[in-house]
């Protein structure tokens, strides 16, 4: 079954992508939740027209995402968390913590666009995360977690 996505769906595709899914997934989940519509000939024509109109807007969005990527590459982020002996943290550092710190520095990035390898950080050290600024602009962002043994 072919559907046209109306929003980004994790591990499936981005908004306005035409994807093939199993009938049950499309009819029971994607379409009722409003994540997709059935790819009828008329819906395909509407999608083609929308994509044609959005092409020049997309170029501006990619340019803005590249500028943000350059700015993020210059940022040195250091997160401080309470820790015990050996650098093991009390609690964990997640993508929400990274997003909050970046927002405090003036870079508005939603936590759902930040992926830390392994999901959570439970020890002090240097780490890397993938930050998706646009569907075509993904950067590797490095940061450091410092343990505070108080």
C-alpha atoms as a PDB file:
ATOM      1  CA  UNK A   1       0.000   0.000   0.000  1.00  0.00           C
ATOM      2  CA  UNK A   2       1.360   3.409  -0.924  1.00  0.00           C
ATOM      3  CA  UNK A   3       0.813   6.330   1.439  1.00  0.00           C
ATOM      4  CA  UNK A   4       1.949   9.940   1.529  1.00  0.00           C
ATOM      5  CA  UNK A   5       3.345  10.976   4.909  1.00  0.00           C
ATOM      6  CA  UNK A   6       1.860  14.117   6.458  1.00  0.00           C
ATOM      7  CA  UNK A   7       4.504  14.311   9.202  1.00  0.00           C
ATOM      8  CA  UNK A   8       7.903  12.818   9.988  1.00  0.00           C
ATOM      9  CA  UNK A   9       7.610   9.191  11.122  1.00  0.00           C
ATOM     10  CA  UNK A  10      10.617   7.636  12.879  1.00  0.00           C
ATOM     11  CA  UNK A  11      12.264   4.828  10.877  1.00  0.00           C
ATOM     12  CA  UNK A  12       9.846   5.309   7.970  1.00  0.00           C
ATOM     13  CA  UNK A  13      10.281   8.686   6.306  1.00  0.00           C
ATOM     14  CA  UNK A  14       9.845  12.434   6.324  1.00  0.00           C
ATOM     15  CA  UNK A  15       6.865  14.663   5.654  1.00  0.00           C
ATOM     16  CA  UNK A  16       5.619  14.482   2.034  1.00  0.00           C
ATOM     17  CA  UNK A  17       7.527  11.269   1.279  1.00  0.00           C
ATOM     18  CA  UNK A  18       5.633   8.581  -0.623  1.00  0.00           C
ATOM     19  CA  UNK A  19       6.334   5.230   1.038  1.00  0.00           C
ATOM     20  CA  UNK A  20       5.097   1.680   0.700  1.00  0.00           C
ATOM     21  CA  UNK A  21       3.876   0.068   3.911  1.00  0.00           C
ATOM     22  CA  UNK A  22       1.929  -3.038   4.836  1.00  0.00           C
ATOM     23  CA  UNK A  23      -1.843  -2.660   4.624  1.00  0.00           C
ATOM     24  CA  UNK A  24      -2.450  -3.095   8.348  1.00  0.00           C
ATOM     25  CA  UNK A  25       0.161  -0.519   9.368  1.00  0.00           C
ATOM     26  CA  UNK A  26      -1.229   2.021   6.926  1.00  0.00           C
ATOM     27  CA  UNK A  27      -4.940   1.464   7.562  1.00  0.00           C
ATOM     28  CA  UNK A  28      -4.808   0.837  11.315  1.00  0.00           C
ATOM     29  CA  UNK A  29      -2.103   3.251  12.451  1.00  0.00           C
ATOM     30  CA  UNK A  30      -0.776   5.825   9.975  1.00  0.00           C
ATOM     31  CA  UNK A  31      -4.026   7.000   8.389  1.00  0.00           C
ATOM     32  CA  UNK A  32      -6.237   7.088  11.543  1.00  0.00           C
ATOM     33  CA  UNK A  33      -3.543   8.949  13.528  1.00  0.00           C
ATOM     34  CA  UNK A  34      -3.220  11.522  10.735  1.00  0.00           C
ATOM     35  CA  UNK A  35       0.400  10.641   9.939  1.00  0.00           C
ATOM     36  CA  UNK A  36      -0.409   9.707   6.329  1.00  0.00           C
ATOM     37  CA  UNK A  37      -3.016   9.725   3.571  1.00  0.00           C
ATOM     38  CA  UNK A  38      -3.680   7.141   0.915  1.00  0.00           C
ATOM     39  CA  UNK A  39      -1.637   7.799  -2.255  1.00  0.00           C
ATOM     40  CA  UNK A  40      -4.455   8.144  -4.767  1.00  0.00           C
ATOM     41  CA  UNK A  41      -3.772   9.663  -8.210  1.00  0.00           C
ATOM     42  CA  UNK A  42      -5.315  12.990  -7.136  1.00  0.00           C
ATOM     43  CA  UNK A  43      -3.280  13.035  -3.900  1.00  0.00           C
ATOM     44  CA  UNK A  44      -0.117  12.390  -5.938  1.00  0.00           C
ATOM     45  CA  UNK A  45      -0.917  15.370  -8.199  1.00  0.00           C
ATOM     46  CA  UNK A  46      -1.482  17.629  -5.182  1.00  0.00           C
ATOM     47  CA  UNK A  47       1.800  16.409  -3.647  1.00  0.00           C
ATOM     48  CA  UNK A  48       3.708  17.104  -6.874  1.00  0.00           C
ATOM     49  CA  UNK A  49       2.338  20.657  -7.036  1.00  0.00           C
ATOM     50  CA  UNK A  50       3.152  21.292  -3.346  1.00  0.00           C
ATOM     51  CA  UNK A  51       6.706  20.029  -3.807  1.00  0.00           C
ATOM     52  CA  UNK A  52       7.188  22.196  -6.888  1.00  0.00           C
ATOM     53  CA  UNK A  53       6.058  25.303  -4.980  1.00  0.00           C
ATOM     54  CA  UNK A  54       8.146  24.451  -1.945  1.00  0.00           C
ATOM     55  CA  UNK A  55      11.428  23.866  -3.825  1.00  0.00           C
ATOM     56  CA  UNK A  56      12.785  27.414  -3.464  1.00  0.00           C
ATOM     57  CA  UNK A  57      11.666  27.638   0.190  1.00  0.00           C
ATOM     58  CA  UNK A  58      13.529  24.393   0.840  1.00  0.00           C
ATOM     59  CA  UNK A  59      16.788  25.907  -0.452  1.00  0.00           C
ATOM     60  CA  UNK A  60      16.486  28.742   2.073  1.00  0.00           C
ATOM     61  CA  UNK A  61      15.798  26.283   4.887  1.00  0.00           C
ATOM     62  CA  UNK A  62      18.878  24.222   3.970  1.00  0.00           C
ATOM     63  CA  UNK A  63      21.005  27.370   3.916  1.00  0.00           C
ATOM     64  CA  UNK A  64      19.760  28.343   7.390  1.00  0.00           C
ATOM     65  CA  UNK A  65      20.419  24.798   8.671  1.00  0.00           C
ATOM     66  CA  UNK A  66      23.983  24.933   7.306  1.00  0.00           C
ATOM     67  CA  UNK A  67      24.589  28.238   9.117  1.00  0.00           C
ATOM     68  CA  UNK A  68      23.311  26.704  12.339  1.00  0.00           C
ATOM     69  CA  UNK A  69      25.566  23.683  11.756  1.00  0.00           C
ATOM     70  CA  UNK A  70      28.614  25.947  11.405  1.00  0.00           C
ATOM     71  CA  UNK A  71      27.666  27.744  14.618  1.00  0.00           C
ATOM     72  CA  UNK A  72      27.215  24.439  16.482  1.00  0.00           C
ATOM     73  CA  UNK A  73      30.612  23.205  15.325  1.00  0.00           C
ATOM     74  CA  UNK A  74      32.188  26.189  17.109  1.00  0.00           C
ATOM     75  CA  UNK A  75      30.305  25.543  20.372  1.00  0.00           C
ATOM     76  CA  UNK A  76      32.129  23.788  23.182  1.00  0.00           C
ATOM     77  CA  UNK A  77      29.433  22.322  25.391  1.00  0.00           C
ATOM     78  CA  UNK A  78      30.310  21.107  28.873  1.00  0.00           C
ATOM     79  CA  UNK A  79      27.584  19.588  31.016  1.00  0.00           C
ATOM     80  CA  UNK A  80      28.133  19.267  34.749  1.00  0.00           C
ATOM     81  CA  UNK A  81      26.396  16.538  36.726  1.00  0.00           C
ATOM     82  CA  UNK A  82      26.745  15.164  40.228  1.00  0.00           C
ATOM     83  CA  UNK A  83      28.886  12.070  40.285  1.00  0.00           C
ATOM     84  CA  UNK A  84      30.429   9.556  42.603  1.00  0.00           C
ATOM     85  CA  UNK A  85      33.933   8.177  42.635  1.00  0.00           C
ATOM     86  CA  UNK A  86      35.252   7.062  39.275  1.00  0.00           C
ATOM     87  CA  UNK A  87      33.131   9.537  37.317  1.00  0.00           C
ATOM     88  CA  UNK A  88      29.884   7.542  37.516  1.00  0.00           C
ATOM     89  CA  UNK A  89      26.928   9.929  37.437  1.00  0.00           C
ATOM     90  CA  UNK A  90      24.003  10.036  39.838  1.00  0.00           C
ATOM     91  CA  UNK A  91      21.224   9.839  37.258  1.00  0.00           C
ATOM     92  CA  UNK A  92      21.882  10.285  33.554  1.00  0.00           C
ATOM     93  CA  UNK A  93      22.436  12.871  30.851  1.00  0.00           C
ATOM     94  CA  UNK A  94      19.925  12.617  27.982  1.00  0.00           C
ATOM     95  CA  UNK A  95      19.170  14.411  24.744  1.00  0.00           C
ATOM     96  CA  UNK A  96      16.807  16.670  26.722  1.00  0.00           C
ATOM     97  CA  UNK A  97      19.727  17.923  28.846  1.00  0.00           C
ATOM     98  CA  UNK A  98      21.806  18.633  25.743  1.00  0.00           C
ATOM     99  CA  UNK A  99      18.874  20.459  24.081  1.00  0.00           C
ATOM    100  CA  UNK A 100      18.275  22.539  27.220  1.00  0.00           C
ATOM    101  CA  UNK A 101      21.926  23.640  27.360  1.00  0.00           C
ATOM    102  CA  UNK A 102      21.971  24.472  23.647  1.00  0.00           C
ATOM    103  CA  UNK A 103      18.760  26.486  24.025  1.00  0.00           C
ATOM    104  CA  UNK A 104      20.408  28.388  26.875  1.00  0.00           C
ATOM    105  CA  UNK A 105      23.267  29.237  24.509  1.00  0.00           C
ATOM    106  CA  UNK A 106      20.865  30.596  21.880  1.00  0.00           C
ATOM    107  CA  UNK A 107      20.561  27.555  19.590  1.00  0.00           C
ATOM    108  CA  UNK A 108      16.899  26.513  19.461  1.00  0.00           C
ATOM    109  CA  UNK A 109      17.061  22.776  18.807  1.00  0.00           C
ATOM    110  CA  UNK A 110      14.308  20.404  19.856  1.00  0.00           C
ATOM    111  CA  UNK A 111      15.343  17.356  21.886  1.00  0.00           C
ATOM    112  CA  UNK A 112      13.764  14.956  19.384  1.00  0.00           C
ATOM    113  CA  UNK A 113      16.335  16.015  16.779  1.00  0.00           C
ATOM    114  CA  UNK A 114      19.286  15.057  19.017  1.00  0.00           C
ATOM    115  CA  UNK A 115      20.359  11.414  19.133  1.00  0.00           C
ATOM    116  CA  UNK A 116      22.994  10.296  21.603  1.00  0.00           C
ATOM    117  CA  UNK A 117      24.595   6.935  20.849  1.00  0.00           C
ATOM    118  CA  UNK A 118      23.292   4.552  23.500  1.00  0.00           C
ATOM    119  CA  UNK A 119      20.477   6.910  24.503  1.00  0.00           C
ATOM    120  CA  UNK A 120      21.734   8.040  27.907  1.00  0.00           C
ATOM    121  CA  UNK A 121      25.072   8.944  29.423  1.00  0.00           C
ATOM    122  CA  UNK A 122      25.918   7.568  32.850  1.00  0.00           C
ATOM    123  CA  UNK A 123      29.609   8.428  33.188  1.00  0.00           C
ATOM    124  CA  UNK A 124      31.789  11.505  32.794  1.00  0.00           C
ATOM    125  CA  UNK A 125      33.738  11.890  29.566  1.00  0.00           C
ATOM    126  CA  UNK A 126      33.551  13.095  25.975  1.00  0.00           C
ATOM    127  CA  UNK A 127      30.577  12.080  23.877  1.00  0.00           C
ATOM    128  CA  UNK A 128      29.114  12.581  20.434  1.00  0.00           C
ATOM    129  CA  UNK A 129      25.534  13.095  19.317  1.00  0.00           C
ATOM    130  CA  UNK A 130      23.862  13.366  15.923  1.00  0.00           C
ATOM    131  CA  UNK A 131      21.887  16.578  15.505  1.00  0.00           C
ATOM    132  CA  UNK A 132      19.367  16.726  12.660  1.00  0.00           C
ATOM    133  CA  UNK A 133      18.849  20.345  11.662  1.00  0.00           C
ATOM    134  CA  UNK A 134      17.090  19.495   8.406  1.00  0.00           C
ATOM    135  CA  UNK A 135      16.306  16.272   6.587  1.00  0.00           C
ATOM    136  CA  UNK A 136      19.484  16.835   4.528  1.00  0.00           C
ATOM    137  CA  UNK A 137      21.666  18.460   7.223  1.00  0.00           C
ATOM    138  CA  UNK A 138      22.824  16.131  10.011  1.00  0.00           C
ATOM    139  CA  UNK A 139      25.948  16.906  12.018  1.00  0.00           C
ATOM    140  CA  UNK A 140      28.021  15.121  14.628  1.00  0.00           C
ATOM    141  CA  UNK A 141      28.106  17.292  17.733  1.00  0.00           C
ATOM    142  CA  UNK A 142      30.699  16.583  20.428  1.00  0.00           C
ATOM    143  CA  UNK A 143      30.312  17.591  24.038  1.00  0.00           C
ATOM    144  CA  UNK A 144      31.809  16.790  27.409  1.00  0.00           C
ATOM    145  CA  UNK A 145      30.198  15.592  30.615  1.00  0.00           C
ATOM    146  CA  UNK A 146      32.051  16.655  33.754  1.00  0.00           C
ATOM    147  CA  UNK A 147      31.445  14.874  37.034  1.00  0.00           C
ATOM    148  CA  UNK A 148      31.000  17.038  40.146  1.00  0.00           C
ATOM    149  CA  UNK A 149      32.038  14.991  43.206  1.00  0.00           C
ATOM    150  CA  UNK A 150      30.479  17.072  45.982  1.00  0.00           C
END
